[in-house]
């Protein structure tokens, strides 16, 4: 797979460099080619692999990568020594949504879930480099009292249902890396603040198939979430149902959890993803 990316990447950079000429335009063409190579492989590439693939010196490649890292278009994974696509690639130009149109595909399912549950429904992705989730879309409920999470709003993964749903699908090393970035700071009296309790919480999420934010980020609000997966069964986003704790009592959490999980599975199928067991 990496060999294929290397060959196609070299062809792209050569053709673009010739047409772009010298100066600023050539730098843009090189940066775009580097992004394309990293995106094509998906699992991450080392500096040497990227340099060889795009046909640029190590120093030039590194300069482009560090510049793009500062703007969060790429991110460096210390544990593996590889470069991966960063969250800003989505935020600038909606490249992520454009590639699959996740928000548009998910919206009818989100609306159905809102109608069935009576509560607001959100769609979010993870910014693992910072340990946050970013909200992409929302279908508001019809109640006068309702919670609002505007597209672009960001909150820590560890204290949100969407964040915990995504954390539960990550390997232990990934979870540790995220929690090291954010810490487990107390936001409300119910916020999980120890690694031991967080591991137990993530284990429960894996068993239940959904995550619960029990007033951990905002007093009086409960949220139930489940992840969406890509064609490899890897988590790519999450949906959640959010409302006042008075309308989501303990006795209704399992019922709502099943509804959210079923909606997430339906969206996963609609975007060509792979649900657990598929």
C-alpha atoms as a PDB file:
ATOM      1  CA  UNK A   1       0.000   0.000   0.000  1.00  0.00           C
ATOM      2  CA  UNK A   2       2.783   2.416   0.878  1.00  0.00           C
ATOM      3  CA  UNK A   3       4.672   1.506  -2.293  1.00  0.00           C
ATOM      4  CA  UNK A   4       1.648   2.421  -4.370  1.00  0.00           C
ATOM      5  CA  UNK A   5       1.316   5.727  -2.534  1.00  0.00           C
ATOM      6  CA  UNK A   6       5.004   6.416  -3.030  1.00  0.00           C
ATOM      7  CA  UNK A   7       4.862   5.919  -6.788  1.00  0.00           C
ATOM      8  CA  UNK A   8       1.680   7.939  -7.282  1.00  0.00           C
ATOM      9  CA  UNK A   9       2.939  10.643  -4.945  1.00  0.00           C
ATOM     10  CA  UNK A  10       6.183  11.084  -6.900  1.00  0.00           C
ATOM     11  CA  UNK A  11       4.257  11.430 -10.133  1.00  0.00           C
ATOM     12  CA  UNK A  12       1.985  14.054  -8.589  1.00  0.00           C
ATOM     13  CA  UNK A  13       4.798  16.166  -7.176  1.00  0.00           C
ATOM     14  CA  UNK A  14       6.813  16.020 -10.407  1.00  0.00           C
ATOM     15  CA  UNK A  15       3.896  17.061 -12.604  1.00  0.00           C
ATOM     16  CA  UNK A  16       2.759  19.820 -10.257  1.00  0.00           C
ATOM     17  CA  UNK A  17       6.251  21.216  -9.747  1.00  0.00           C
ATOM     18  CA  UNK A  18       6.840  21.474 -13.457  1.00  0.00           C
ATOM     19  CA  UNK A  19       3.572  23.305 -14.034  1.00  0.00           C
ATOM     20  CA  UNK A  20       3.866  25.511 -10.962  1.00  0.00           C
ATOM     21  CA  UNK A  21       7.356  26.802 -11.578  1.00  0.00           C
ATOM     22  CA  UNK A  22       9.454  28.464  -8.889  1.00  0.00           C
ATOM     23  CA  UNK A  23       8.385  30.513  -5.895  1.00  0.00           C
ATOM     24  CA  UNK A  24       5.282  30.488  -3.750  1.00  0.00           C
ATOM     25  CA  UNK A  25       3.066  28.478  -6.118  1.00  0.00           C
ATOM     26  CA  UNK A  26       5.589  25.632  -6.165  1.00  0.00           C
ATOM     27  CA  UNK A  27       5.604  25.582  -2.362  1.00  0.00           C
ATOM     28  CA  UNK A  28       1.816  25.285  -2.316  1.00  0.00           C
ATOM     29  CA  UNK A  29       1.948  22.447  -4.862  1.00  0.00           C
ATOM     30  CA  UNK A  30       4.524  20.623  -2.755  1.00  0.00           C
ATOM     31  CA  UNK A  31       2.490  21.041   0.430  1.00  0.00           C
ATOM     32  CA  UNK A  32      -0.663  19.776  -1.281  1.00  0.00           C
ATOM     33  CA  UNK A  33       1.201  16.767  -2.666  1.00  0.00           C
ATOM     34  CA  UNK A  34       2.527  15.933   0.803  1.00  0.00           C
ATOM     35  CA  UNK A  35      -1.015  16.147   2.204  1.00  0.00           C
ATOM     36  CA  UNK A  36      -2.327  13.919  -0.591  1.00  0.00           C
ATOM     37  CA  UNK A  37       0.326  11.268   0.070  1.00  0.00           C
ATOM     38  CA  UNK A  38      -0.375  11.215   3.813  1.00  0.00           C
ATOM     39  CA  UNK A  39      -4.125  11.060   3.199  1.00  0.00           C
ATOM     40  CA  UNK A  40      -3.780   8.274   0.624  1.00  0.00           C
ATOM     41  CA  UNK A  41      -1.933   5.978   3.022  1.00  0.00           C
ATOM     42  CA  UNK A  42      -4.073   6.933   6.021  1.00  0.00           C
ATOM     43  CA  UNK A  43      -2.149   4.909   8.608  1.00  0.00           C
ATOM     44  CA  UNK A  44       0.732   7.387   8.786  1.00  0.00           C
ATOM     45  CA  UNK A  45       4.133   7.778   7.121  1.00  0.00           C
ATOM     46  CA  UNK A  46       7.577   8.578   8.474  1.00  0.00           C
ATOM     47  CA  UNK A  47       9.484  11.639   7.341  1.00  0.00           C
ATOM     48  CA  UNK A  48      11.784   9.452   5.226  1.00  0.00           C
ATOM     49  CA  UNK A  49       8.842   7.722   3.549  1.00  0.00           C
ATOM     50  CA  UNK A  50       7.152  11.025   2.743  1.00  0.00           C
ATOM     51  CA  UNK A  51      10.399  12.495   1.461  1.00  0.00           C
ATOM     52  CA  UNK A  52      11.004   9.518  -0.823  1.00  0.00           C
ATOM     53  CA  UNK A  53       7.407   9.427  -2.012  1.00  0.00           C
ATOM     54  CA  UNK A  54       7.196  13.079  -3.052  1.00  0.00           C
ATOM     55  CA  UNK A  55      10.801  13.229  -4.293  1.00  0.00           C
ATOM     56  CA  UNK A  56      11.929  16.061  -2.032  1.00  0.00           C
ATOM     57  CA  UNK A  57      14.959  16.367   0.284  1.00  0.00           C
ATOM     58  CA  UNK A  58      14.397  15.471   3.919  1.00  0.00           C
ATOM     59  CA  UNK A  59      15.003  19.035   5.066  1.00  0.00           C
ATOM     60  CA  UNK A  60      12.488  20.492   2.584  1.00  0.00           C
ATOM     61  CA  UNK A  61       9.892  17.883   3.447  1.00  0.00           C
ATOM     62  CA  UNK A  62      10.352  18.468   7.160  1.00  0.00           C
ATOM     63  CA  UNK A  63      10.008  22.218   6.713  1.00  0.00           C
ATOM     64  CA  UNK A  64       6.677  21.770   4.919  1.00  0.00           C
ATOM     65  CA  UNK A  65       5.449  19.307   7.537  1.00  0.00           C
ATOM     66  CA  UNK A  66       6.310  21.486  10.526  1.00  0.00           C
ATOM     67  CA  UNK A  67       4.683  24.500   8.874  1.00  0.00           C
ATOM     68  CA  UNK A  68       1.496  22.520   8.237  1.00  0.00           C
ATOM     69  CA  UNK A  69       1.676  21.073  11.762  1.00  0.00           C
ATOM     70  CA  UNK A  70       1.605  24.580  13.219  1.00  0.00           C
ATOM     71  CA  UNK A  71      -1.639  25.153  11.331  1.00  0.00           C
ATOM     72  CA  UNK A  72      -2.941  21.653  12.332  1.00  0.00           C
ATOM     73  CA  UNK A  73      -3.210  20.376   8.752  1.00  0.00           C
ATOM     74  CA  UNK A  74      -0.959  17.468   9.750  1.00  0.00           C
ATOM     75  CA  UNK A  75      -0.053  15.946  13.089  1.00  0.00           C
ATOM     76  CA  UNK A  76       2.951  13.960  14.317  1.00  0.00           C
ATOM     77  CA  UNK A  77       2.389  10.720  16.245  1.00  0.00           C
ATOM     78  CA  UNK A  78       5.311  10.424  18.660  1.00  0.00           C
ATOM     79  CA  UNK A  79       4.709   6.755  19.535  1.00  0.00           C
ATOM     80  CA  UNK A  80       4.971   5.585  15.917  1.00  0.00           C
ATOM     81  CA  UNK A  81       7.144   8.368  14.522  1.00  0.00           C
ATOM     82  CA  UNK A  82       4.661   8.956  11.716  1.00  0.00           C
ATOM     83  CA  UNK A  83       2.821  11.915  10.219  1.00  0.00           C
ATOM     84  CA  UNK A  84      -0.963  11.855   9.782  1.00  0.00           C
ATOM     85  CA  UNK A  85      -3.660  14.215   8.533  1.00  0.00           C
ATOM     86  CA  UNK A  86      -4.685  16.894  11.067  1.00  0.00           C
ATOM     87  CA  UNK A  87      -8.092  18.232  12.006  1.00  0.00           C
ATOM     88  CA  UNK A  88      -7.585  21.580  10.249  1.00  0.00           C
ATOM     89  CA  UNK A  89      -7.785  19.739   6.930  1.00  0.00           C
ATOM     90  CA  UNK A  90     -11.438  19.290   7.813  1.00  0.00           C
ATOM     91  CA  UNK A  91     -12.092  22.679   9.363  1.00  0.00           C
ATOM     92  CA  UNK A  92     -10.645  24.528   6.371  1.00  0.00           C
ATOM     93  CA  UNK A  93     -12.718  23.681   3.346  1.00  0.00           C
ATOM     94  CA  UNK A  94     -14.820  20.915   4.945  1.00  0.00           C
ATOM     95  CA  UNK A  95     -12.634  18.322   3.235  1.00  0.00           C
ATOM     96  CA  UNK A  96     -13.796  15.614   5.595  1.00  0.00           C
ATOM     97  CA  UNK A  97     -17.503  16.213   4.992  1.00  0.00           C
ATOM     98  CA  UNK A  98     -16.916  16.685   1.272  1.00  0.00           C
ATOM     99  CA  UNK A  99     -15.245  13.311   0.905  1.00  0.00           C
ATOM    100  CA  UNK A 100     -18.219  11.399   2.340  1.00  0.00           C
ATOM    101  CA  UNK A 101     -20.811  14.078   3.006  1.00  0.00           C
ATOM    102  CA  UNK A 102     -21.260  12.546   6.456  1.00  0.00           C
ATOM    103  CA  UNK A 103     -23.365  15.390   7.844  1.00  0.00           C
ATOM    104  CA  UNK A 104     -25.821  15.319   4.935  1.00  0.00           C
ATOM    105  CA  UNK A 105     -26.136  11.528   5.051  1.00  0.00           C
ATOM    106  CA  UNK A 106     -26.512  11.522   8.830  1.00  0.00           C
ATOM    107  CA  UNK A 107     -29.058  14.335   9.058  1.00  0.00           C
ATOM    108  CA  UNK A 108     -32.221  12.296   8.182  1.00  0.00           C
ATOM    109  CA  UNK A 109     -31.236   9.668  10.761  1.00  0.00           C
ATOM    110  CA  UNK A 110     -30.508  12.409  13.289  1.00  0.00           C
ATOM    111  CA  UNK A 111     -33.916  13.952  12.653  1.00  0.00           C
ATOM    112  CA  UNK A 112     -35.615  10.567  13.104  1.00  0.00           C
ATOM    113  CA  UNK A 113     -33.757  10.064  16.381  1.00  0.00           C
ATOM    114  CA  UNK A 114     -34.782  13.533  17.557  1.00  0.00           C
ATOM    115  CA  UNK A 115     -38.433  12.792  16.758  1.00  0.00           C
ATOM    116  CA  UNK A 116     -38.308   9.396  18.478  1.00  0.00           C
ATOM    117  CA  UNK A 117     -36.495  10.581  21.599  1.00  0.00           C
ATOM    118  CA  UNK A 118     -37.778  14.135  21.784  1.00  0.00           C
ATOM    119  CA  UNK A 119     -34.250  15.393  22.448  1.00  0.00           C
ATOM    120  CA  UNK A 120     -31.559  17.293  20.530  1.00  0.00           C
ATOM    121  CA  UNK A 121     -29.179  15.186  18.433  1.00  0.00           C
ATOM    122  CA  UNK A 122     -25.538  16.068  17.603  1.00  0.00           C
ATOM    123  CA  UNK A 123     -22.834  14.813  15.229  1.00  0.00           C
ATOM    124  CA  UNK A 124     -19.165  15.212  16.179  1.00  0.00           C
ATOM    125  CA  UNK A 125     -15.637  14.119  15.272  1.00  0.00           C
ATOM    126  CA  UNK A 126     -12.484  13.825  17.377  1.00  0.00           C
ATOM    127  CA  UNK A 127      -9.460  16.098  17.318  1.00  0.00           C
ATOM    128  CA  UNK A 128      -7.150  13.528  18.894  1.00  0.00           C
ATOM    129  CA  UNK A 129      -4.139  15.826  18.631  1.00  0.00           C
ATOM    130  CA  UNK A 130      -5.764  18.082  21.246  1.00  0.00           C
ATOM    131  CA  UNK A 131      -8.014  15.562  22.974  1.00  0.00           C
ATOM    132  CA  UNK A 132     -11.205  17.382  22.018  1.00  0.00           C
ATOM    133  CA  UNK A 133     -14.355  16.675  20.019  1.00  0.00           C
ATOM    134  CA  UNK A 134     -15.649  19.094  17.397  1.00  0.00           C
ATOM    135  CA  UNK A 135     -19.380  19.325  16.718  1.00  0.00           C
ATOM    136  CA  UNK A 136     -20.302  19.193  13.026  1.00  0.00           C
ATOM    137  CA  UNK A 137     -24.100  19.330  12.965  1.00  0.00           C
ATOM    138  CA  UNK A 138     -27.150  19.442  15.199  1.00  0.00           C
ATOM    139  CA  UNK A 139     -30.869  18.744  14.944  1.00  0.00           C
ATOM    140  CA  UNK A 140     -32.584  20.692  17.717  1.00  0.00           C
ATOM    141  CA  UNK A 141     -35.518  19.253  19.636  1.00  0.00           C
ATOM    142  CA  UNK A 142     -38.880  21.018  19.903  1.00  0.00           C
ATOM    143  CA  UNK A 143     -38.816  21.646  23.651  1.00  0.00           C
ATOM    144  CA  UNK A 144     -38.509  25.234  24.851  1.00  0.00           C
ATOM    145  CA  UNK A 145     -35.735  24.073  27.184  1.00  0.00           C
ATOM    146  CA  UNK A 146     -33.008  22.535  25.043  1.00  0.00           C
ATOM    147  CA  UNK A 147     -29.229  22.346  24.874  1.00  0.00           C
ATOM    148  CA  UNK A 148     -27.330  23.925  21.995  1.00  0.00           C
ATOM    149  CA  UNK A 149     -23.968  22.695  20.657  1.00  0.00           C
ATOM    150  CA  UNK A 150     -23.164  24.863  17.677  1.00  0.00           C
ATOM    151  CA  UNK A 151     -21.147  23.438  14.735  1.00  0.00           C
ATOM    152  CA  UNK A 152     -17.497  24.158  15.444  1.00  0.00           C
ATOM    153  CA  UNK A 153     -17.912  24.066  19.233  1.00  0.00           C
ATOM    154  CA  UNK A 154     -15.201  22.008  20.940  1.00  0.00           C
ATOM    155  CA  UNK A 155     -15.126  20.260  24.329  1.00  0.00           C
ATOM    156  CA  UNK A 156     -12.733  17.747  25.934  1.00  0.00           C
ATOM    157  CA  UNK A 157     -13.244  14.113  24.976  1.00  0.00           C
ATOM    158  CA  UNK A 158     -13.043  12.752  28.523  1.00  0.00           C
ATOM    159  CA  UNK A 159     -16.115  14.618  29.814  1.00  0.00           C
ATOM    160  CA  UNK A 160     -18.428  14.291  26.802  1.00  0.00           C
ATOM    161  CA  UNK A 161     -20.518  11.321  25.668  1.00  0.00           C
ATOM    162  CA  UNK A 162     -19.364  11.629  22.039  1.00  0.00           C
ATOM    163  CA  UNK A 163     -15.763  11.867  23.203  1.00  0.00           C
ATOM    164  CA  UNK A 164     -16.014   8.849  25.493  1.00  0.00           C
ATOM    165  CA  UNK A 165     -17.753   6.828  22.760  1.00  0.00           C
ATOM    166  CA  UNK A 166     -14.747   7.498  20.506  1.00  0.00           C
ATOM    167  CA  UNK A 167     -12.196   6.947  23.288  1.00  0.00           C
ATOM    168  CA  UNK A 168     -13.737   3.535  24.011  1.00  0.00           C
ATOM    169  CA  UNK A 169     -12.890   2.454  20.460  1.00  0.00           C
ATOM    170  CA  UNK A 170      -9.245   3.518  20.725  1.00  0.00           C
ATOM    171  CA  UNK A 171      -6.317   1.352  21.888  1.00  0.00           C
ATOM    172  CA  UNK A 172      -5.041   1.931  25.407  1.00  0.00           C
ATOM    173  CA  UNK A 173      -2.010   3.813  24.086  1.00  0.00           C
ATOM    174  CA  UNK A 174      -4.278   6.207  22.194  1.00  0.00           C
ATOM    175  CA  UNK A 175      -6.484   6.777  25.223  1.00  0.00           C
ATOM    176  CA  UNK A 176      -3.433   7.468  27.392  1.00  0.00           C
ATOM    177  CA  UNK A 177      -2.091   9.952  24.838  1.00  0.00           C
ATOM    178  CA  UNK A 178      -5.390  11.851  24.705  1.00  0.00           C
ATOM    179  CA  UNK A 179      -5.757  11.980  28.492  1.00  0.00           C
ATOM    180  CA  UNK A 180      -2.163  13.124  28.881  1.00  0.00           C
ATOM    181  CA  UNK A 181      -2.921  16.114  26.651  1.00  0.00           C
ATOM    182  CA  UNK A 182      -6.080  17.210  28.476  1.00  0.00           C
ATOM    183  CA  UNK A 183      -5.694  15.744  31.917  1.00  0.00           C
ATOM    184  CA  UNK A 184      -8.815  14.758  33.845  1.00  0.00           C
ATOM    185  CA  UNK A 185      -9.739  18.152  35.201  1.00  0.00           C
ATOM    186  CA  UNK A 186     -12.860  18.492  37.299  1.00  0.00           C
ATOM    187  CA  UNK A 187     -15.575  20.506  35.543  1.00  0.00           C
ATOM    188  CA  UNK A 188     -18.565  19.410  37.634  1.00  0.00           C
ATOM    189  CA  UNK A 189     -18.826  17.261  40.742  1.00  0.00           C
ATOM    190  CA  UNK A 190     -19.624  14.293  38.471  1.00  0.00           C
ATOM    191  CA  UNK A 191     -16.638  14.650  36.149  1.00  0.00           C
ATOM    192  CA  UNK A 192     -14.456  11.527  36.024  1.00  0.00           C
ATOM    193  CA  UNK A 193     -11.071  12.633  37.337  1.00  0.00           C
ATOM    194  CA  UNK A 194      -8.960   9.462  37.766  1.00  0.00           C
ATOM    195  CA  UNK A 195      -7.473   7.125  35.127  1.00  0.00           C
ATOM    196  CA  UNK A 196      -8.793   4.068  37.000  1.00  0.00           C
ATOM    197  CA  UNK A 197     -12.383   5.301  36.906  1.00  0.00           C
ATOM    198  CA  UNK A 198     -12.013   6.353  33.276  1.00  0.00           C
ATOM    199  CA  UNK A 199     -10.780   2.894  32.248  1.00  0.00           C
ATOM    200  CA  UNK A 200     -13.745   1.327  34.031  1.00  0.00           C
ATOM    201  CA  UNK A 201     -16.061   3.781  32.291  1.00  0.00           C
ATOM    202  CA  UNK A 202     -14.632   2.955  28.852  1.00  0.00           C
ATOM    203  CA  UNK A 203     -14.974  -0.754  29.548  1.00  0.00           C
ATOM    204  CA  UNK A 204     -18.639  -0.241  30.405  1.00  0.00           C
ATOM    205  CA  UNK A 205     -19.144   1.713  27.175  1.00  0.00           C
ATOM    206  CA  UNK A 206     -17.671  -1.166  25.157  1.00  0.00           C
ATOM    207  CA  UNK A 207     -20.034  -3.585  26.869  1.00  0.00           C
ATOM    208  CA  UNK A 208     -23.138  -1.389  26.550  1.00  0.00           C
ATOM    209  CA  UNK A 209     -22.499  -0.105  23.030  1.00  0.00           C
ATOM    210  CA  UNK A 210     -23.119   3.514  24.008  1.00  0.00           C
ATOM    211  CA  UNK A 211     -21.609   6.215  26.228  1.00  0.00           C
ATOM    212  CA  UNK A 212     -23.279   8.432  28.829  1.00  0.00           C
ATOM    213  CA  UNK A 213     -22.289  11.920  29.972  1.00  0.00           C
ATOM    214  CA  UNK A 214     -24.056  12.103  33.328  1.00  0.00           C
ATOM    215  CA  UNK A 215     -23.751  15.840  34.055  1.00  0.00           C
ATOM    216  CA  UNK A 216     -19.976  15.517  33.667  1.00  0.00           C
ATOM    217  CA  UNK A 217     -19.562  18.579  31.443  1.00  0.00           C
ATOM    218  CA  UNK A 218     -22.575  20.696  32.389  1.00  0.00           C
ATOM    219  CA  UNK A 219     -24.745  20.490  35.505  1.00  0.00           C
ATOM    220  CA  UNK A 220     -28.285  19.413  34.700  1.00  0.00           C
ATOM    221  CA  UNK A 221     -27.504  17.933  31.268  1.00  0.00           C
ATOM    222  CA  UNK A 222     -27.257  14.291  30.251  1.00  0.00           C
ATOM    223  CA  UNK A 223     -25.995  13.008  26.930  1.00  0.00           C
ATOM    224  CA  UNK A 224     -25.977   9.535  25.332  1.00  0.00           C
ATOM    225  CA  UNK A 225     -23.711   8.781  22.341  1.00  0.00           C
ATOM    226  CA  UNK A 226     -22.539   6.032  20.002  1.00  0.00           C
ATOM    227  CA  UNK A 227     -19.808   5.991  17.387  1.00  0.00           C
ATOM    228  CA  UNK A 228     -19.969   5.753  13.597  1.00  0.00           C
ATOM    229  CA  UNK A 229     -17.415   3.577  11.800  1.00  0.00           C
ATOM    230  CA  UNK A 230     -15.708   3.635   8.409  1.00  0.00           C
ATOM    231  CA  UNK A 231     -15.376   0.703   6.021  1.00  0.00           C
ATOM    232  CA  UNK A 232     -12.637  -0.811   8.216  1.00  0.00           C
ATOM    233  CA  UNK A 233     -14.751  -0.700  11.372  1.00  0.00           C
ATOM    234  CA  UNK A 234     -12.673   2.201  12.713  1.00  0.00           C
ATOM    235  CA  UNK A 235     -14.392   5.078  14.571  1.00  0.00           C
ATOM    236  CA  UNK A 236     -14.793   8.190  12.419  1.00  0.00           C
ATOM    237  CA  UNK A 237     -17.482  10.214  14.223  1.00  0.00           C
ATOM    238  CA  UNK A 238     -20.204   9.912  16.854  1.00  0.00           C
ATOM    239  CA  UNK A 239     -23.812  10.965  17.308  1.00  0.00           C
ATOM    240  CA  UNK A 240     -25.405  11.920  20.595  1.00  0.00           C
ATOM    241  CA  UNK A 241     -28.759  12.664  22.156  1.00  0.00           C
ATOM    242  CA  UNK A 242     -28.651  15.557  24.612  1.00  0.00           C
ATOM    243  CA  UNK A 243     -31.221  16.879  27.071  1.00  0.00           C
ATOM    244  CA  UNK A 244     -31.960  17.933  30.651  1.00  0.00           C
ATOM    245  CA  UNK A 245     -31.375  15.236  33.256  1.00  0.00           C
ATOM    246  CA  UNK A 246     -35.025  15.556  34.278  1.00  0.00           C
ATOM    247  CA  UNK A 247     -36.093  14.309  30.829  1.00  0.00           C
ATOM    248  CA  UNK A 248     -33.417  11.574  30.719  1.00  0.00           C
ATOM    249  CA  UNK A 249     -33.866   9.802  34.083  1.00  0.00           C
ATOM    250  CA  UNK A 250     -31.937   6.717  35.101  1.00  0.00           C
ATOM    251  CA  UNK A 251     -34.797   4.457  34.062  1.00  0.00           C
ATOM    252  CA  UNK A 252     -34.724   5.728  30.469  1.00  0.00           C
ATOM    253  CA  UNK A 253     -30.958   5.620  29.812  1.00  0.00           C
ATOM    254  CA  UNK A 254     -30.870   2.027  28.504  1.00  0.00           C
ATOM    255  CA  UNK A 255     -33.840   2.665  26.214  1.00  0.00           C
ATOM    256  CA  UNK A 256     -32.330   5.856  24.844  1.00  0.00           C
ATOM    257  CA  UNK A 257     -28.939   4.129  24.566  1.00  0.00           C
ATOM    258  CA  UNK A 258     -30.454   1.474  22.324  1.00  0.00           C
ATOM    259  CA  UNK A 259     -32.078   4.146  20.162  1.00  0.00           C
ATOM    260  CA  UNK A 260     -28.809   6.060  19.750  1.00  0.00           C
ATOM    261  CA  UNK A 261     -26.838   2.863  19.023  1.00  0.00           C
ATOM    262  CA  UNK A 262     -29.338   1.793  16.370  1.00  0.00           C
ATOM    263  CA  UNK A 263     -29.220   5.233  14.727  1.00  0.00           C
ATOM    264  CA  UNK A 264     -25.407   5.159  14.726  1.00  0.00           C
ATOM    265  CA  UNK A 265     -25.416   1.694  13.127  1.00  0.00           C
ATOM    266  CA  UNK A 266     -27.855   2.878  10.450  1.00  0.00           C
ATOM    267  CA  UNK A 267     -25.692   5.900   9.616  1.00  0.00           C
ATOM    268  CA  UNK A 268     -22.598   3.705   9.508  1.00  0.00           C
ATOM    269  CA  UNK A 269     -24.311   1.459   6.959  1.00  0.00           C
ATOM    270  CA  UNK A 270     -25.487   4.468   4.929  1.00  0.00           C
ATOM    271  CA  UNK A 271     -21.955   5.866   4.591  1.00  0.00           C
ATOM    272  CA  UNK A 272     -20.560   2.485   3.593  1.00  0.00           C
ATOM    273  CA  UNK A 273     -19.022   1.761   6.965  1.00  0.00           C
ATOM    274  CA  UNK A 274     -18.701  -1.503   8.833  1.00  0.00           C
ATOM    275  CA  UNK A 275     -20.643  -2.116  12.015  1.00  0.00           C
ATOM    276  CA  UNK A 276     -19.333  -4.477  14.680  1.00  0.00           C
ATOM    277  CA  UNK A 277     -19.869  -8.028  13.560  1.00  0.00           C
ATOM    278  CA  UNK A 278     -20.307  -7.109   9.874  1.00  0.00           C
END
